Amino acid sequence: MSNGINHRQNEDKSIYMLAASSQIYQEA
């Protein structure tokens, strides 16, 4: 039975957070 981790990590909201974090790390 799914605990929801996979669904939540692939939501648009989560993807945008990962994208922003990756972009900032690249700039750093």
PDB file of all heavy atoms in Angstrom:
ATOM      1  N   MET A   1       0.847  -1.201   0.000  1.00  0.00           N
ATOM      2  CA  MET A   1       0.000   0.000   0.000  1.00  0.00           C
ATOM      3  C   MET A   1       0.880   1.248   0.000  1.00  0.00           C
ATOM      4  O   MET A   1       1.871   1.321   0.723  1.00  0.00           O
ATOM      5  CB  MET A   1      -0.922  -0.003   1.228  1.00  0.00           C
ATOM      6  CG  MET A   1      -1.888   1.170   1.269  1.00  0.00           C
ATOM      7  SD  MET A   1      -3.010   1.031   2.671  1.00  0.00           S
ATOM      8  CE  MET A   1      -3.914   2.559   2.465  1.00  0.00           C
ATOM      9  N   SER A   2       0.525   2.215  -0.806  1.00  0.00           N
ATOM     10  CA  SER A   2       1.326   3.428  -0.940  1.00  0.00           C
ATOM     11  C   SER A   2       1.200   4.313   0.297  1.00  0.00           C
ATOM     12  O   SER A   2       0.129   4.461   0.870  1.00  0.00           O
ATOM     13  CB  SER A   2       0.863   4.204  -2.176  1.00  0.00           C
ATOM     14  OG  SER A   2       1.478   5.472  -2.214  1.00  0.00           O
ATOM     15  N   ASN A   3       2.323   4.909   0.696  1.00  0.00           N
ATOM     16  CA  ASN A   3       2.302   5.860   1.808  1.00  0.00           C
ATOM     17  C   ASN A   3       2.201   7.301   1.319  1.00  0.00           C
ATOM     18  O   ASN A   3       2.197   8.233   2.114  1.00  0.00           O
ATOM     19  CB  ASN A   3       3.539   5.679   2.693  1.00  0.00           C
ATOM     20  CG  ASN A   3       4.850   5.818   1.915  1.00  0.00           C
ATOM     21  OD1 ASN A   3       4.951   6.610   0.986  1.00  0.00           O
ATOM     22  ND2 ASN A   3       5.844   5.023   2.294  1.00  0.00           N
ATOM     23  N   GLY A   4       2.159   7.484   0.003  1.00  0.00           N
ATOM     24  CA  GLY A   4       1.963   8.806  -0.575  1.00  0.00           C
ATOM     25  C   GLY A   4       3.240   9.561  -0.914  1.00  0.00           C
ATOM     26  O   GLY A   4       3.184  10.630  -1.536  1.00  0.00           O
ATOM     27  N   ILE A   5       4.402   9.034  -0.538  1.00  0.00           N
ATOM     28  CA  ILE A   5       5.659   9.737  -0.802  1.00  0.00           C
ATOM     29  C   ILE A   5       5.873   9.955  -2.296  1.00  0.00           C
ATOM     30  O   ILE A   5       6.210  11.060  -2.744  1.00  0.00           O
ATOM     31  CB  ILE A   5       6.861   8.971  -0.195  1.00  0.00           C
ATOM     32  CG1 ILE A   5       6.876   9.133   1.324  1.00  0.00           C
ATOM     33  CG2 ILE A   5       8.185   9.478  -0.784  1.00  0.00           C
ATOM     34  CD1 ILE A   5       8.011   8.395   2.018  1.00  0.00           C
ATOM     35  N   ASN A   6       5.670   8.914  -3.073  1.00  0.00           N
ATOM     36  CA  ASN A   6       5.916   9.023  -4.510  1.00  0.00           C
ATOM     37  C   ASN A   6       4.963  10.016  -5.173  1.00  0.00           C
ATOM     38  O   ASN A   6       5.362  10.773  -6.063  1.00  0.00           O
ATOM     39  CB  ASN A   6       5.778   7.649  -5.170  1.00  0.00           C
ATOM     40  CG  ASN A   6       6.339   7.626  -6.577  1.00  0.00           C
ATOM     41  OD1 ASN A   6       7.464   8.040  -6.807  1.00  0.00           O
ATOM     42  ND2 ASN A   6       5.534   7.166  -7.528  1.00  0.00           N
ATOM     43  N   HIS A   7       3.707  10.004  -4.739  1.00  0.00           N
ATOM     44  CA  HIS A   7       2.725  10.940  -5.315  1.00  0.00           C
ATOM     45  C   HIS A   7       3.083  12.379  -4.962  1.00  0.00           C
ATOM     46  O   HIS A   7       3.104  13.254  -5.840  1.00  0.00           O
ATOM     47  CB  HIS A   7       1.326  10.609  -4.802  1.00  0.00           C
ATOM     48  CG  HIS A   7       0.292  11.619  -5.198  1.00  0.00           C
ATOM     49  ND1 HIS A   7      -0.196  11.727  -6.485  1.00  0.00           N
ATOM     50  CD2 HIS A   7      -0.319  12.605  -4.479  1.00  0.00           C
ATOM     51  CE1 HIS A   7      -1.072  12.719  -6.552  1.00  0.00           C
ATOM     52  NE2 HIS A   7      -1.164  13.264  -5.344  1.00  0.00           N
ATOM     53  N   ARG A   8       3.392  12.616  -3.707  1.00  0.00           N
ATOM     54  CA  ARG A   8       3.681  13.987  -3.260  1.00  0.00           C
ATOM     55  C   ARG A   8       4.970  14.529  -3.870  1.00  0.00           C
ATOM     56  O   ARG A   8       5.042  15.702  -4.239  1.00  0.00           O
ATOM     57  CB  ARG A   8       3.735  14.041  -1.732  1.00  0.00           C
ATOM     58  CG  ARG A   8       2.378  13.907  -1.056  1.00  0.00           C
ATOM     59  CD  ARG A   8       2.474  14.199   0.435  1.00  0.00           C
ATOM     60  NE  ARG A   8       3.244  13.169   1.128  1.00  0.00           N
ATOM     61  CZ  ARG A   8       2.749  12.030   1.609  1.00  0.00           C
ATOM     62  NH1 ARG A   8       1.453  11.754   1.443  1.00  0.00           N
ATOM     63  NH2 ARG A   8       3.515  11.162   2.242  1.00  0.00           N
ATOM     64  N   GLN A   9       6.001  13.684  -4.005  1.00  0.00           N
ATOM     65  CA  GLN A   9       7.273  14.177  -4.545  1.00  0.00           C
ATOM     66  C   GLN A   9       7.184  14.507  -6.032  1.00  0.00           C
ATOM     67  O   GLN A   9       8.031  15.232  -6.552  1.00  0.00           O
ATOM     68  CB  GLN A   9       8.380  13.145  -4.308  1.00  0.00           C
ATOM     69  CG  GLN A   9       8.320  11.921  -5.190  1.00  0.00           C
ATOM     70  CD  GLN A   9       9.556  11.039  -5.046  1.00  0.00           C
ATOM     71  OE1 GLN A   9      10.558  11.441  -4.445  1.00  0.00           O
ATOM     72  NE2 GLN A   9       9.491   9.833  -5.585  1.00  0.00           N
ATOM     73  N   ASN A  10       6.157  13.976  -6.716  1.00  0.00           N
ATOM     74  CA  ASN A  10       6.013  14.223  -8.149  1.00  0.00           C
ATOM     75  C   ASN A  10       4.925  15.240  -8.483  1.00  0.00           C
ATOM     76  O   ASN A  10       4.642  15.476  -9.662  1.00  0.00           O
ATOM     77  CB  ASN A  10       5.735  12.909  -8.880  1.00  0.00           C
ATOM     78  CG  ASN A  10       6.962  12.014  -8.923  1.00  0.00           C
ATOM     79  OD1 ASN A  10       8.076  12.490  -9.075  1.00  0.00           O
ATOM     80  ND2 ASN A  10       6.757  10.715  -8.786  1.00  0.00           N
ATOM     81  N   GLU A  11       4.314  15.836  -7.463  1.00  0.00           N
ATOM     82  CA  GLU A  11       3.338  16.902  -7.714  1.00  0.00           C
ATOM     83  C   GLU A  11       4.064  18.130  -8.275  1.00  0.00           C
ATOM     84  O   GLU A  11       5.256  18.328  -8.039  1.00  0.00           O
ATOM     85  CB  GLU A  11       2.617  17.281  -6.419  1.00  0.00           C
ATOM     86  CG  GLU A  11       1.669  16.207  -5.899  1.00  0.00           C
ATOM     87  CD  GLU A  11       0.972  16.642  -4.623  1.00  0.00           C
ATOM     88  OE1 GLU A  11       1.153  17.816  -4.211  1.00  0.00           O
ATOM     89  OE2 GLU A  11       0.263  15.818  -4.034  1.00  0.00           O
ATOM     90  N   ASP A  12       3.334  18.953  -9.015  1.00  0.00           N
ATOM     91  CA  ASP A  12       3.938  20.159  -9.599  1.00  0.00           C
ATOM     92  C   ASP A  12       4.564  21.041  -8.528  1.00  0.00           C
ATOM     93  O   ASP A  12       5.650  21.617  -8.729  1.00  0.00           O
ATOM     94  CB  ASP A  12       2.883  20.958 -10.366  1.00  0.00           C
ATOM     95  CG  ASP A  12       2.553  20.324 -11.716  1.00  0.00           C
ATOM     96  OD1 ASP A  12       3.326  19.457 -12.162  1.00  0.00           O
ATOM     97  OD2 ASP A  12       1.536  20.704 -12.311  1.00  0.00           O
ATOM     98  N   LYS A  13       3.888  21.151  -7.403  1.00  0.00           N
ATOM     99  CA  LYS A  13       4.400  21.967  -6.301  1.00  0.00           C
ATOM    100  C   LYS A  13       5.787  21.492  -5.882  1.00  0.00           C
ATOM    101  O   LYS A  13       6.704  22.309  -5.686  1.00  0.00           O
ATOM    102  CB  LYS A  13       3.436  21.874  -5.115  1.00  0.00           C
ATOM    103  CG  LYS A  13       3.936  22.522  -3.839  1.00  0.00           C
ATOM    104  CD  LYS A  13       2.935  22.327  -2.704  1.00  0.00           C
ATOM    105  CE  LYS A  13       3.473  22.899  -1.399  1.00  0.00           C
ATOM    106  NZ  LYS A  13       2.499  22.732  -0.292  1.00  0.00           N
ATOM    107  N   SER A  14       5.961  20.196  -5.767  1.00  0.00           N
ATOM    108  CA  SER A  14       7.241  19.625  -5.347  1.00  0.00           C
ATOM    109  C   SER A  14       8.303  19.793  -6.437  1.00  0.00           C
ATOM    110  O   SER A  14       9.474  20.108  -6.147  1.00  0.00           O
ATOM    111  CB  SER A  14       7.075  18.140  -5.011  1.00  0.00           C
ATOM    112  OG  SER A  14       6.173  17.964  -3.952  1.00  0.00           O
ATOM    113  N   ILE A  15       7.905  19.578  -7.678  1.00  0.00           N
ATOM    114  CA  ILE A  15       8.848  19.712  -8.794  1.00  0.00           C
ATOM    115  C   ILE A  15       9.371  21.139  -8.878  1.00  0.00           C
ATOM    116  O   ILE A  15      10.571  21.369  -9.124  1.00  0.00           O
ATOM    117  CB  ILE A  15       8.183  19.305 -10.120  1.00  0.00           C
ATOM    118  CG1 ILE A  15       7.788  17.820 -10.095  1.00  0.00           C
ATOM    119  CG2 ILE A  15       9.114  19.589 -11.293  1.00  0.00           C
ATOM    120  CD1 ILE A  15       8.948  16.869  -9.948  1.00  0.00           C
ATOM    121  N   TYR A  16       8.494  22.120  -8.639  1.00  0.00           N
ATOM    122  CA  TYR A  16       8.924  23.519  -8.672  1.00  0.00           C
ATOM    123  C   TYR A  16       9.916  23.818  -7.547  1.00  0.00           C
ATOM    124  O   TYR A  16      10.874  24.585  -7.740  1.00  0.00           O
ATOM    125  CB  TYR A  16       7.722  24.461  -8.578  1.00  0.00           C
ATOM    126  CG  TYR A  16       6.914  24.532  -9.848  1.00  0.00           C
ATOM    127  CD1 TYR A  16       5.528  24.392  -9.840  1.00  0.00           C
ATOM    128  CD2 TYR A  16       7.539  24.737 -11.072  1.00  0.00           C
ATOM    129  CE1 TYR A  16       4.792  24.453 -11.009  1.00  0.00           C
ATOM    130  CE2 TYR A  16       6.810  24.796 -12.245  1.00  0.00           C
ATOM    131  CZ  TYR A  16       5.429  24.655 -12.213  1.00  0.00           C
ATOM    132  OH  TYR A  16       4.701  24.712 -13.383  1.00  0.00           O
ATOM    133  N   MET A  17       9.677  23.226  -6.378  1.00  0.00           N
ATOM    134  CA  MET A  17      10.613  23.429  -5.270  1.00  0.00           C
ATOM    135  C   MET A  17      11.976  22.829  -5.600  1.00  0.00           C
ATOM    136  O   MET A  17      13.017  23.440  -5.344  1.00  0.00           O
ATOM    137  CB  MET A  17      10.047  22.823  -3.981  1.00  0.00           C
ATOM    138  CG  MET A  17       8.957  23.657  -3.334  1.00  0.00           C
ATOM    139  SD  MET A  17       8.494  23.111  -1.672  1.00  0.00           S
ATOM    140  CE  MET A  17       7.430  21.710  -2.050  1.00  0.00           C
ATOM    141  N   LEU A  18      11.987  21.634  -6.165  1.00  0.00           N
ATOM    142  CA  LEU A  18      13.245  20.991  -6.539  1.00  0.00           C
ATOM    143  C   LEU A  18      13.964  21.787  -7.629  1.00  0.00           C
ATOM    144  O   LEU A  18      15.192  21.929  -7.601  1.00  0.00           O
ATOM    145  CB  LEU A  18      12.982  19.571  -7.031  1.00  0.00           C
ATOM    146  CG  LEU A  18      12.558  18.546  -5.971  1.00  0.00           C
ATOM    147  CD1 LEU A  18      12.202  17.223  -6.633  1.00  0.00           C
ATOM    148  CD2 LEU A  18      13.674  18.336  -4.948  1.00  0.00           C
ATOM    149  N   ALA A  19      13.193  22.305  -8.575  1.00  0.00           N
ATOM    150  CA  ALA A  19      13.783  23.096  -9.658  1.00  0.00           C
ATOM    151  C   ALA A  19      14.417  24.372  -9.117  1.00  0.00           C
ATOM    152  O   ALA A  19      15.537  24.744  -9.503  1.00  0.00           O
ATOM    153  CB  ALA A  19      12.715  23.437 -10.695  1.00  0.00           C
ATOM    154  N   ALA A  20      13.707  25.057  -8.217  1.00  0.00           N
ATOM    155  CA  ALA A  20      14.235  26.299  -7.635  1.00  0.00           C
ATOM    156  C   ALA A  20      15.494  26.021  -6.827  1.00  0.00           C
ATOM    157  O   ALA A  20      16.490  26.754  -6.935  1.00  0.00           O
ATOM    158  CB  ALA A  20      13.169  26.938  -6.744  1.00  0.00           C
ATOM    159  N   SER A  21      15.460  24.965  -6.029  1.00  0.00           N
ATOM    160  CA  SER A  21      16.626  24.609  -5.222  1.00  0.00           C
ATOM    161  C   SER A  21      17.824  24.279  -6.106  1.00  0.00           C
ATOM    162  O   SER A  21      18.947  24.745  -5.845  1.00  0.00           O
ATOM    163  CB  SER A  21      16.293  23.410  -4.325  1.00  0.00           C
ATOM    164  OG  SER A  21      17.404  23.021  -3.569  1.00  0.00           O
ATOM    165  N   SER A  22      17.607  23.523  -7.161  1.00  0.00           N
ATOM    166  CA  SER A  22      18.683  23.151  -8.079  1.00  0.00           C
ATOM    167  C   SER A  22      19.258  24.377  -8.778  1.00  0.00           C
ATOM    168  O   SER A  22      20.470  24.500  -8.953  1.00  0.00           O
ATOM    169  CB  SER A  22      18.171  22.149  -9.122  1.00  0.00           C
ATOM    170  OG  SER A  22      17.741  20.955  -8.516  1.00  0.00           O
ATOM    171  N   GLN A  23      18.367  25.290  -9.197  1.00  0.00           N
ATOM    172  CA  GLN A  23      18.811  26.511  -9.876  1.00  0.00           C
ATOM    173  C   GLN A  23      19.682  27.368  -8.953  1.00  0.00           C
ATOM    174  O   GLN A  23      20.727  27.890  -9.368  1.00  0.00           O
ATOM    175  CB  GLN A  23      17.595  27.314 -10.338  1.00  0.00           C
ATOM    176  CG  GLN A  23      17.915  28.662 -10.962  1.00  0.00           C
ATOM    177  CD  GLN A  23      18.699  28.544 -12.259  1.00  0.00           C
ATOM    178  OE1 GLN A  23      18.592  27.546 -12.954  1.00  0.00           O
ATOM    179  NE2 GLN A  23      19.467  29.564 -12.595  1.00  0.00           N
ATOM    180  N   ILE A  24      19.256  27.507  -7.704  1.00  0.00           N
ATOM    181  CA  ILE A  24      20.012  28.329  -6.756  1.00  0.00           C
ATOM    182  C   ILE A  24      21.371  27.704  -6.462  1.00  0.00           C
ATOM    183  O   ILE A  24      22.390  28.396  -6.379  1.00  0.00           O
ATOM    184  CB  ILE A  24      19.213  28.525  -5.454  1.00  0.00           C
ATOM    185  CG1 ILE A  24      17.931  29.324  -5.749  1.00  0.00           C
ATOM    186  CG2 ILE A  24      20.048  29.268  -4.414  1.00  0.00           C
ATOM    187  CD1 ILE A  24      16.972  29.403  -4.590  1.00  0.00           C
ATOM    188  N   TYR A  25      21.401  26.371  -6.332  1.00  0.00           N
ATOM    189  CA  TYR A  25      22.681  25.691  -6.107  1.00  0.00           C
ATOM    190  C   TYR A  25      23.609  25.869  -7.321  1.00  0.00           C
ATOM    191  O   TYR A  25      24.818  26.006  -7.167  1.00  0.00           O
ATOM    192  CB  TYR A  25      22.456  24.207  -5.835  1.00  0.00           C
ATOM    193  CG  TYR A  25      22.175  23.879  -4.387  1.00  0.00           C
ATOM    194  CD1 TYR A  25      21.068  23.121  -4.019  1.00  0.00           C
ATOM    195  CD2 TYR A  25      23.036  24.317  -3.382  1.00  0.00           C
ATOM    196  CE1 TYR A  25      20.812  22.823  -2.682  1.00  0.00           C
ATOM    197  CE2 TYR A  25      22.780  24.026  -2.047  1.00  0.00           C
ATOM    198  CZ  TYR A  25      21.673  23.275  -1.706  1.00  0.00           C
ATOM    199  OH  TYR A  25      21.426  22.986  -0.380  1.00  0.00           O
ATOM    200  N   GLN A  26      23.042  25.849  -8.515  1.00  0.00           N
ATOM    201  CA  GLN A  26      23.847  26.070  -9.722  1.00  0.00           C
ATOM    202  C   GLN A  26      24.432  27.480  -9.726  1.00  0.00           C
ATOM    203  O   GLN A  26      25.599  27.678 -10.096  1.00  0.00           O
ATOM    204  CB  GLN A  26      22.996  25.843 -10.969  1.00  0.00           C
ATOM    205  CG  GLN A  26      22.667  24.387 -11.252  1.00  0.00           C
ATOM    206  CD  GLN A  26      21.785  24.213 -12.478  1.00  0.00           C
ATOM    207  OE1 GLN A  26      21.520  25.170 -13.211  1.00  0.00           O
ATOM    208  NE2 GLN A  26      21.297  23.007 -12.700  1.00  0.00           N
ATOM    209  N   GLU A  27      23.626  28.461  -9.337  1.00  0.00           N
ATOM    210  CA  GLU A  27      24.109  29.836  -9.275  1.00  0.00           C
ATOM    211  C   GLU A  27      25.221  29.974  -8.232  1.00  0.00           C
ATOM    212  O   GLU A  27      26.221  30.673  -8.457  1.00  0.00           O
ATOM    213  CB  GLU A  27      22.947  30.780  -8.944  1.00  0.00           C
ATOM    214  CG  GLU A  27      21.924  30.880 -10.059  1.00  0.00           C
ATOM    215  CD  GLU A  27      20.701  31.710  -9.663  1.00  0.00           C
ATOM    216  OE1 GLU A  27      20.684  32.200  -8.511  1.00  0.00           O
ATOM    217  OE2 GLU A  27      19.788  31.864 -10.498  1.00  0.00           O
ATOM    218  N   ALA A  28      25.048  29.308  -7.091  1.00  0.00           N
ATOM    219  CA  ALA A  28      26.075  29.333  -6.057  1.00  0.00           C
ATOM    220  C   ALA A  28      27.357  28.671  -6.556  1.00  0.00           C
ATOM    221  O   ALA A  28      28.468  29.141  -6.260  1.00  0.00           O
ATOM    222  CB  ALA A  28      25.570  28.620  -4.805  1.00  0.00           C
TER     223      ALA A  28
END
